[in-house]
Amino acid sequence: MIRIPLGHQQFNSLGTAQSLTVPPGADRALLQVEDQAVRWHDTATPTATSGIVIAVGETYLYGGDLSSVKFIEEAGGGELNVAYYA
């Protein structure tokens, strides 16, 4: 299936749980983590010690409700890159 790119977003500070800024029409997000592991959750607010881990260097395709997912770093200095697709 061909995906249409709809934009990107970069988080340089995830000391508190952050939501995505989802472009209209996006239904998938490609996530990549740099420098520190990041945790996410889509039914609760993640903390530095709870949530689903994306390790440094991992790439993850999220296809759930983009408006409900939140992210937080496990330790200071984490970075999250997000590419949005329809």
PDB file of N, CA and C in Angstrom:
ATOM      1  N   MET A   1       0.842  -1.174   0.000  1.00  0.00           N
ATOM      2  CA  MET A   1       0.000   0.000   0.000  1.00  0.00           C
ATOM      3  C   MET A   1       0.889   1.239   0.000  1.00  0.00           C
ATOM      4  N   ILE A   2       0.599   2.164  -0.868  1.00  0.00           N
ATOM      5  CA  ILE A   2       1.353   3.406  -0.957  1.00  0.00           C
ATOM      6  C   ILE A   2       0.855   4.366   0.114  1.00  0.00           C
ATOM      7  N   ARG A   3       1.764   4.977   0.817  1.00  0.00           N
ATOM      8  CA  ARG A   3       1.445   5.956   1.847  1.00  0.00           C
ATOM      9  C   ARG A   3       1.772   7.350   1.338  1.00  0.00           C
ATOM     10  N   ILE A   4       0.972   8.331   1.730  1.00  0.00           N
ATOM     11  CA  ILE A   4       1.181   9.715   1.347  1.00  0.00           C
ATOM     12  C   ILE A   4       1.780  10.456   2.543  1.00  0.00           C
ATOM     13  N   PRO A   5       2.983  11.036   2.397  1.00  0.00           N
ATOM     14  CA  PRO A   5       3.574  11.783   3.507  1.00  0.00           C
ATOM     15  C   PRO A   5       2.813  13.081   3.760  1.00  0.00           C
ATOM     16  N   LEU A   6       2.581  13.376   5.041  1.00  0.00           N
ATOM     17  CA  LEU A   6       1.806  14.561   5.411  1.00  0.00           C
ATOM     18  C   LEU A   6       2.550  15.519   6.320  1.00  0.00           C
ATOM     19  N   GLY A   7       3.796  15.252   6.608  1.00  0.00           N
ATOM     20  CA  GLY A   7       4.565  16.170   7.444  1.00  0.00           C
ATOM     21  C   GLY A   7       5.363  15.441   8.498  1.00  0.00           C
ATOM     22  N   HIS A   8       6.045  16.239   9.309  1.00  0.00           N
ATOM     23  CA  HIS A   8       6.878  15.668  10.366  1.00  0.00           C
ATOM     24  C   HIS A   8       6.876  16.583  11.585  1.00  0.00           C
ATOM     25  N   GLN A   9       7.398  16.041  12.666  1.00  0.00           N
ATOM     26  CA  GLN A   9       7.479  16.773  13.930  1.00  0.00           C
ATOM     27  C   GLN A   9       8.681  16.250  14.681  1.00  0.00           C
ATOM     28  N   GLN A  10       9.350  17.116  15.425  1.00  0.00           N
ATOM     29  CA  GLN A  10      10.482  16.693  16.239  1.00  0.00           C
ATOM     30  C   GLN A  10      10.294  17.222  17.654  1.00  0.00           C
ATOM     31  N   PHE A  11      10.470  16.322  18.621  1.00  0.00           N
ATOM     32  CA  PHE A  11      10.425  16.690  20.034  1.00  0.00           C
ATOM     33  C   PHE A  11      11.843  16.664  20.569  1.00  0.00           C
ATOM     34  N   ASN A  12      12.322  17.804  21.072  1.00  0.00           N
ATOM     35  CA  ASN A  12      13.660  17.882  21.672  1.00  0.00           C
ATOM     36  C   ASN A  12      13.606  17.873  23.185  1.00  0.00           C
ATOM     37  N   SER A  13      12.423  18.031  23.735  1.00  0.00           N
ATOM     38  CA  SER A  13      12.248  18.027  25.175  1.00  0.00           C
ATOM     39  C   SER A  13      10.987  17.244  25.510  1.00  0.00           C
ATOM     40  N   LEU A  14      11.175  16.126  26.172  1.00  0.00           N
ATOM     41  CA  LEU A  14      10.045  15.285  26.563  1.00  0.00           C
ATOM     42  C   LEU A  14      10.076  15.017  28.069  1.00  0.00           C
ATOM     43  N   GLY A  15      10.438  16.046  28.846  1.00  0.00           N
ATOM     44  CA  GLY A  15      10.498  15.899  30.298  1.00  0.00           C
ATOM     45  C   GLY A  15       9.122  15.706  30.921  1.00  0.00           C
ATOM     46  N   THR A  16       8.085  16.169  30.217  1.00  0.00           N
ATOM     47  CA  THR A  16       6.707  15.907  30.607  1.00  0.00           C
ATOM     48  C   THR A  16       6.023  15.239  29.419  1.00  0.00           C
ATOM     49  N   ALA A  17       4.967  14.503  29.685  1.00  0.00           N
ATOM     50  CA  ALA A  17       4.270  13.783  28.613  1.00  0.00           C
ATOM     51  C   ALA A  17       3.743  14.761  27.564  1.00  0.00           C
ATOM     52  N   GLN A  18       4.006  14.457  26.305  1.00  0.00           N
ATOM     53  CA  GLN A  18       3.620  15.320  25.183  1.00  0.00           C
ATOM     54  C   GLN A  18       2.739  14.555  24.201  1.00  0.00           C
ATOM     55  N   SER A  19       1.793  15.276  23.620  1.00  0.00           N
ATOM     56  CA  SER A  19       0.930  14.724  22.570  1.00  0.00           C
ATOM     57  C   SER A  19       1.465  15.130  21.207  1.00  0.00           C
ATOM     58  N   LEU A  20       1.028  14.429  20.191  1.00  0.00           N
ATOM     59  CA  LEU A  20       1.400  14.752  18.814  1.00  0.00           C
ATOM     60  C   LEU A  20       0.546  15.902  18.291  1.00  0.00           C
ATOM     61  N   THR A  21       1.099  16.653  17.357  1.00  0.00           N
ATOM     62  CA  THR A  21       0.343  17.641  16.601  1.00  0.00           C
ATOM     63  C   THR A  21       0.071  17.002  15.250  1.00  0.00           C
ATOM     64  N   VAL A  22      -1.087  16.399  15.124  1.00  0.00           N
ATOM     65  CA  VAL A  22      -1.405  15.533  13.984  1.00  0.00           C
ATOM     66  C   VAL A  22      -1.951  16.354  12.816  1.00  0.00           C
ATOM     67  N   PRO A  23      -1.321  16.242  11.632  1.00  0.00           N
ATOM     68  CA  PRO A  23      -1.873  16.941  10.472  1.00  0.00           C
ATOM     69  C   PRO A  23      -3.186  16.306  10.012  1.00  0.00           C
ATOM     70  N   PRO A  24      -4.075  17.084   9.437  1.00  0.00           N
ATOM     71  CA  PRO A  24      -5.343  16.532   8.939  1.00  0.00           C
ATOM     72  C   PRO A  24      -5.101  15.380   7.958  1.00  0.00           C
ATOM     73  N   GLY A  25      -5.850  14.307   8.139  1.00  0.00           N
ATOM     74  CA  GLY A  25      -5.763  13.157   7.251  1.00  0.00           C
ATOM     75  C   GLY A  25      -4.749  12.108   7.644  1.00  0.00           C
ATOM     76  N   ALA A  26      -3.886  12.406   8.603  1.00  0.00           N
ATOM     77  CA  ALA A  26      -2.868  11.431   9.017  1.00  0.00           C
ATOM     78  C   ALA A  26      -3.507  10.291   9.801  1.00  0.00           C
ATOM     79  N   ASP A  27      -3.124   9.051   9.475  1.00  0.00           N
ATOM     80  CA  ASP A  27      -3.623   7.893  10.221  1.00  0.00           C
ATOM     81  C   ASP A  27      -2.493   6.948  10.636  1.00  0.00           C
ATOM     82  N   ARG A  28      -1.260   7.327  10.367  1.00  0.00           N
ATOM     83  CA  ARG A  28      -0.081   6.548  10.755  1.00  0.00           C
ATOM     84  C   ARG A  28       1.034   7.519  11.134  1.00  0.00           C
ATOM     85  N   ALA A  29       1.885   7.085  12.060  1.00  0.00           N
ATOM     86  CA  ALA A  29       3.057   7.879  12.415  1.00  0.00           C
ATOM     87  C   ALA A  29       4.263   6.948  12.516  1.00  0.00           C
ATOM     88  N   LEU A  30       5.325   7.313  11.848  1.00  0.00           N
ATOM     89  CA  LEU A  30       6.590   6.601  11.944  1.00  0.00           C
ATOM     90  C   LEU A  30       7.414   7.325  13.000  1.00  0.00           C
ATOM     91  N   LEU A  31       7.823   6.605  14.043  1.00  0.00           N
ATOM     92  CA  LEU A  31       8.501   7.194  15.194  1.00  0.00           C
ATOM     93  C   LEU A  31       9.926   6.687  15.267  1.00  0.00           C
ATOM     94  N   GLN A  32      10.875   7.584  15.551  1.00  0.00           N
ATOM     95  CA  GLN A  32      12.259   7.178  15.764  1.00  0.00           C
ATOM     96  C   GLN A  32      12.815   7.959  16.946  1.00  0.00           C
ATOM     97  N   VAL A  33      13.538   7.244  17.814  1.00  0.00           N
ATOM     98  CA  VAL A  33      14.057   7.810  19.055  1.00  0.00           C
ATOM     99  C   VAL A  33      15.570   7.955  18.970  1.00  0.00           C
ATOM    100  N   GLU A  34      16.061   9.094  19.494  1.00  0.00           N
ATOM    101  CA  GLU A  34      17.499   9.342  19.559  1.00  0.00           C
ATOM    102  C   GLU A  34      17.897   9.713  20.982  1.00  0.00           C
ATOM    103  N   ASP A  35      19.092   9.357  21.372  1.00  0.00           N
ATOM    104  CA  ASP A  35      19.785   9.784  22.594  1.00  0.00           C
ATOM    105  C   ASP A  35      19.303   9.157  23.901  1.00  0.00           C
ATOM    106  N   GLN A  36      18.012   9.057  24.155  1.00  0.00           N
ATOM    107  CA  GLN A  36      17.468   8.424  25.360  1.00  0.00           C
ATOM    108  C   GLN A  36      16.189   7.693  24.985  1.00  0.00           C
ATOM    109  N   ALA A  37      15.922   6.589  25.657  1.00  0.00           N
ATOM    110  CA  ALA A  37      14.680   5.849  25.400  1.00  0.00           C
ATOM    111  C   ALA A  37      13.465   6.729  25.713  1.00  0.00           C
ATOM    112  N   VAL A  38      12.386   6.473  24.985  1.00  0.00           N
ATOM    113  CA  VAL A  38      11.129   7.198  25.159  1.00  0.00           C
ATOM    114  C   VAL A  38      10.037   6.174  25.455  1.00  0.00           C
ATOM    115  N   ARG A  39       9.120   6.545  26.327  1.00  0.00           N
ATOM    116  CA  ARG A  39       7.961   5.696  26.624  1.00  0.00           C
ATOM    117  C   ARG A  39       6.708   6.348  26.061  1.00  0.00           C
ATOM    118  N   TRP A  40       5.745   5.497  25.676  1.00  0.00           N
ATOM    119  CA  TRP A  40       4.484   6.009  25.138  1.00  0.00           C
ATOM    120  C   TRP A  40       3.325   5.195  25.670  1.00  0.00           C
ATOM    121  N   HIS A  41       2.146   5.802  25.570  1.00  0.00           N
ATOM    122  CA  HIS A  41       0.915   5.102  25.914  1.00  0.00           C
ATOM    123  C   HIS A  41      -0.226   5.806  25.207  1.00  0.00           C
ATOM    124  N   ASP A  42      -1.268   5.060  24.846  1.00  0.00           N
ATOM    125  CA  ASP A  42      -2.412   5.672  24.173  1.00  0.00           C
ATOM    126  C   ASP A  42      -3.720   5.551  24.949  1.00  0.00           C
ATOM    127  N   THR A  43      -3.664   4.957  26.157  1.00  0.00           N
ATOM    128  CA  THR A  43      -4.860   4.907  26.992  1.00  0.00           C
ATOM    129  C   THR A  43      -4.604   5.484  28.384  1.00  0.00           C
ATOM    130  N   ALA A  44      -3.388   5.945  28.646  1.00  0.00           N
ATOM    131  CA  ALA A  44      -3.021   6.552  29.924  1.00  0.00           C
ATOM    132  C   ALA A  44      -1.852   7.500  29.657  1.00  0.00           C
ATOM    133  N   THR A  45      -1.500   8.285  30.660  1.00  0.00           N
ATOM    134  CA  THR A  45      -0.343   9.170  30.519  1.00  0.00           C
ATOM    135  C   THR A  45       0.906   8.406  30.951  1.00  0.00           C
ATOM    136  N   PRO A  46       1.902   8.277  30.065  1.00  0.00           N
ATOM    137  CA  PRO A  46       3.114   7.560  30.439  1.00  0.00           C
ATOM    138  C   PRO A  46       3.944   8.382  31.420  1.00  0.00           C
ATOM    139  N   THR A  47       4.828   7.688  32.134  1.00  0.00           N
ATOM    140  CA  THR A  47       5.812   8.342  32.997  1.00  0.00           C
ATOM    141  C   THR A  47       7.189   7.840  32.576  1.00  0.00           C
ATOM    142  N   ALA A  48       8.215   8.347  33.212  1.00  0.00           N
ATOM    143  CA  ALA A  48       9.579   7.918  32.893  1.00  0.00           C
ATOM    144  C   ALA A  48       9.809   6.444  33.206  1.00  0.00           C
ATOM    145  N   THR A  49       8.910   5.843  33.998  1.00  0.00           N
ATOM    146  CA  THR A  49       9.075   4.434  34.367  1.00  0.00           C
ATOM    147  C   THR A  49       7.890   3.555  33.975  1.00  0.00           C
ATOM    148  N   SER A  50       6.863   4.134  33.353  1.00  0.00           N
ATOM    149  CA  SER A  50       5.724   3.317  32.918  1.00  0.00           C
ATOM    150  C   SER A  50       5.320   3.705  31.507  1.00  0.00           C
ATOM    151  N   GLY A  51       4.852   2.744  30.782  1.00  0.00           N
ATOM    152  CA  GLY A  51       4.489   2.938  29.383  1.00  0.00           C
ATOM    153  C   GLY A  51       5.292   1.981  28.526  1.00  0.00           C
ATOM    154  N   ILE A  52       5.078   2.043  27.251  1.00  0.00           N
ATOM    155  CA  ILE A  52       5.733   1.144  26.305  1.00  0.00           C
ATOM    156  C   ILE A  52       7.011   1.808  25.816  1.00  0.00           C
ATOM    157  N   VAL A  53       8.124   1.100  25.901  1.00  0.00           N
ATOM    158  CA  VAL A  53       9.438   1.670  25.595  1.00  0.00           C
ATOM    159  C   VAL A  53       9.744   1.594  24.106  1.00  0.00           C
ATOM    160  N   ILE A  54      10.272   2.698  23.583  1.00  0.00           N
ATOM    161  CA  ILE A  54      10.933   2.705  22.284  1.00  0.00           C
ATOM    162  C   ILE A  54      12.396   3.008  22.588  1.00  0.00           C
ATOM    163  N   ALA A  55      13.272   2.056  22.332  1.00  0.00           N
ATOM    164  CA  ALA A  55      14.693   2.202  22.650  1.00  0.00           C
ATOM    165  C   ALA A  55      15.383   3.131  21.652  1.00  0.00           C
ATOM    166  N   VAL A  56      16.515   3.643  22.057  1.00  0.00           N
ATOM    167  CA  VAL A  56      17.314   4.508  21.194  1.00  0.00           C
ATOM    168  C   VAL A  56      17.621   3.781  19.886  1.00  0.00           C
ATOM    169  N   GLY A  57      17.382   4.450  18.778  1.00  0.00           N
ATOM    170  CA  GLY A  57      17.661   3.894  17.464  1.00  0.00           C
ATOM    171  C   GLY A  57      16.531   3.074  16.873  1.00  0.00           C
ATOM    172  N   GLU A  58      15.530   2.737  17.673  1.00  0.00           N
ATOM    173  CA  GLU A  58      14.399   1.971  17.153  1.00  0.00           C
ATOM    174  C   GLU A  58      13.486   2.844  16.308  1.00  0.00           C
ATOM    175  N   THR A  59      12.869   2.221  15.336  1.00  0.00           N
ATOM    176  CA  THR A  59      11.841   2.862  14.531  1.00  0.00           C
ATOM    177  C   THR A  59      10.564   2.070  14.733  1.00  0.00           C
ATOM    178  N   TYR A  60       9.465   2.777  14.961  1.00  0.00           N
ATOM    179  CA  TYR A  60       8.199   2.142  15.290  1.00  0.00           C
ATOM    180  C   TYR A  60       7.091   2.786  14.464  1.00  0.00           C
ATOM    181  N   LEU A  61       6.228   1.983  13.862  1.00  0.00           N
ATOM    182  CA  LEU A  61       5.079   2.496  13.117  1.00  0.00           C
ATOM    183  C   LEU A  61       3.850   2.398  14.002  1.00  0.00           C
ATOM    184  N   TYR A  62       3.257   3.552  14.327  1.00  0.00           N
ATOM    185  CA  TYR A  62       2.066   3.593  15.170  1.00  0.00           C
ATOM    186  C   TYR A  62       0.861   3.852  14.287  1.00  0.00           C
ATOM    187  N   GLY A  63      -0.162   2.997  14.397  1.00  0.00           N
ATOM    188  CA  GLY A  63      -1.356   3.126  13.583  1.00  0.00           C
ATOM    189  C   GLY A  63      -2.631   3.225  14.388  1.00  0.00           C
ATOM    190  N   GLY A  64      -2.516   3.569  15.668  1.00  0.00           N
ATOM    191  CA  GLY A  64      -3.703   3.731  16.500  1.00  0.00           C
ATOM    192  C   GLY A  64      -4.237   5.150  16.424  1.00  0.00           C
ATOM    193  N   ASP A  65      -4.941   5.562  17.458  1.00  0.00           N
ATOM    194  CA  ASP A  65      -5.521   6.904  17.524  1.00  0.00           C
ATOM    195  C   ASP A  65      -4.406   7.912  17.797  1.00  0.00           C
ATOM    196  N   LEU A  66      -3.984   8.614  16.753  1.00  0.00           N
ATOM    197  CA  LEU A  66      -2.859   9.544  16.870  1.00  0.00           C
ATOM    198  C   LEU A  66      -3.142  10.682  17.842  1.00  0.00           C
ATOM    199  N   SER A  67      -4.392  11.020  18.051  1.00  0.00           N
ATOM    200  CA  SER A  67      -4.718  12.128  18.953  1.00  0.00           C
ATOM    201  C   SER A  67      -4.653  11.729  20.425  1.00  0.00           C
ATOM    202  N   SER A  68      -4.573  10.438  20.719  1.00  0.00           N
ATOM    203  CA  SER A  68      -4.565  10.016  22.123  1.00  0.00           C
ATOM    204  C   SER A  68      -3.197   9.552  22.621  1.00  0.00           C
ATOM    205  N   VAL A  69      -2.245   9.345  21.743  1.00  0.00           N
ATOM    206  CA  VAL A  69      -0.942   8.833  22.165  1.00  0.00           C
ATOM    207  C   VAL A  69      -0.090   9.966  22.745  1.00  0.00           C
ATOM    208  N   LYS A  70       0.641   9.643  23.836  1.00  0.00           N
ATOM    209  CA  LYS A  70       1.527  10.602  24.497  1.00  0.00           C
ATOM    210  C   LYS A  70       2.889   9.956  24.702  1.00  0.00           C
ATOM    211  N   PHE A  71       3.913  10.803  24.785  1.00  0.00           N
ATOM    212  CA  PHE A  71       5.298  10.350  24.892  1.00  0.00           C
ATOM    213  C   PHE A  71       6.017  11.090  26.003  1.00  0.00           C
ATOM    214  N   ILE A  72       6.990  10.388  26.635  1.00  0.00           N
ATOM    215  CA  ILE A  72       7.845  11.003  27.649  1.00  0.00           C
ATOM    216  C   ILE A  72       9.200  10.309  27.592  1.00  0.00           C
ATOM    217  N   GLU A  73      10.268  11.033  27.890  1.00  0.00           N
ATOM    218  CA  GLU A  73      11.598  10.431  27.887  1.00  0.00           C
ATOM    219  C   GLU A  73      11.859   9.723  29.213  1.00  0.00           C
ATOM    220  N   GLU A  74      12.679   8.660  29.153  1.00  0.00           N
ATOM    221  CA  GLU A  74      13.065   7.970  30.386  1.00  0.00           C
ATOM    222  C   GLU A  74      14.076   8.781  31.173  1.00  0.00           C
ATOM    223  N   ALA A  75      14.928   9.504  30.481  1.00  0.00           N
ATOM    224  CA  ALA A  75      15.939  10.350  31.113  1.00  0.00           C
ATOM    225  C   ALA A  75      16.125  11.580  30.237  1.00  0.00           C
ATOM    226  N   GLY A  76      16.679  12.632  30.797  1.00  0.00           N
ATOM    227  CA  GLY A  76      16.860  13.871  30.061  1.00  0.00           C
ATOM    228  C   GLY A  76      17.666  13.697  28.781  1.00  0.00           C
ATOM    229  N   GLY A  77      17.310  14.465  27.777  1.00  0.00           N
ATOM    230  CA  GLY A  77      18.057  14.444  26.521  1.00  0.00           C
ATOM    231  C   GLY A  77      17.470  13.582  25.429  1.00  0.00           C
ATOM    232  N   GLY A  78      16.305  12.997  25.660  1.00  0.00           N
ATOM    233  CA  GLY A  78      15.675  12.175  24.638  1.00  0.00           C
ATOM    234  C   GLY A  78      15.124  13.026  23.505  1.00  0.00           C
ATOM    235  N   GLU A  79      15.103  12.459  22.320  1.00  0.00           N
ATOM    236  CA  GLU A  79      14.563  13.146  21.149  1.00  0.00           C
ATOM    237  C   GLU A  79      13.678  12.176  20.379  1.00  0.00           C
ATOM    238  N   LEU A  80      12.546  12.669  19.926  1.00  0.00           N
ATOM    239  CA  LEU A  80      11.606  11.849  19.158  1.00  0.00           C
ATOM    240  C   LEU A  80      11.335  12.520  17.827  1.00  0.00           C
ATOM    241  N   ASN A  81      11.546  11.777  16.748  1.00  0.00           N
ATOM    242  CA  ASN A  81      11.238  12.249  15.401  1.00  0.00           C
ATOM    243  C   ASN A  81      10.004  11.518  14.915  1.00  0.00           C
ATOM    244  N   VAL A  82       9.066  12.259  14.322  1.00  0.00           N
ATOM    245  CA  VAL A  82       7.791  11.700  13.895  1.00  0.00           C
ATOM    246  C   VAL A  82       7.539  12.102  12.445  1.00  0.00           C
ATOM    247  N   ALA A  83       7.198  11.132  11.610  1.00  0.00           N
ATOM    248  CA  ALA A  83       6.757  11.391  10.242  1.00  0.00           C
ATOM    249  C   ALA A  83       5.318  10.899  10.117  1.00  0.00           C
ATOM    250  N   TYR A  84       4.458  11.739   9.555  1.00  0.00           N
ATOM    251  CA  TYR A  84       3.033  11.436   9.449  1.00  0.00           C
ATOM    252  C   TYR A  84       2.679  11.004   8.030  1.00  0.00           C
ATOM    253  N   TYR A  85       1.751  10.029   7.949  1.00  0.00           N
ATOM    254  CA  TYR A  85       1.328   9.489   6.651  1.00  0.00           C
ATOM    255  C   TYR A  85      -0.179   9.237   6.629  1.00  0.00           C
ATOM    256  N   ALA A  86      -0.748   9.283   5.430  1.00  0.00           N
ATOM    257  CA  ALA A  86      -2.140   8.915   5.203  1.00  0.00           C
ATOM    258  C   ALA A  86      -2.157   7.629   4.392  1.00  0.00           C
TER     259      ALA A  86
END
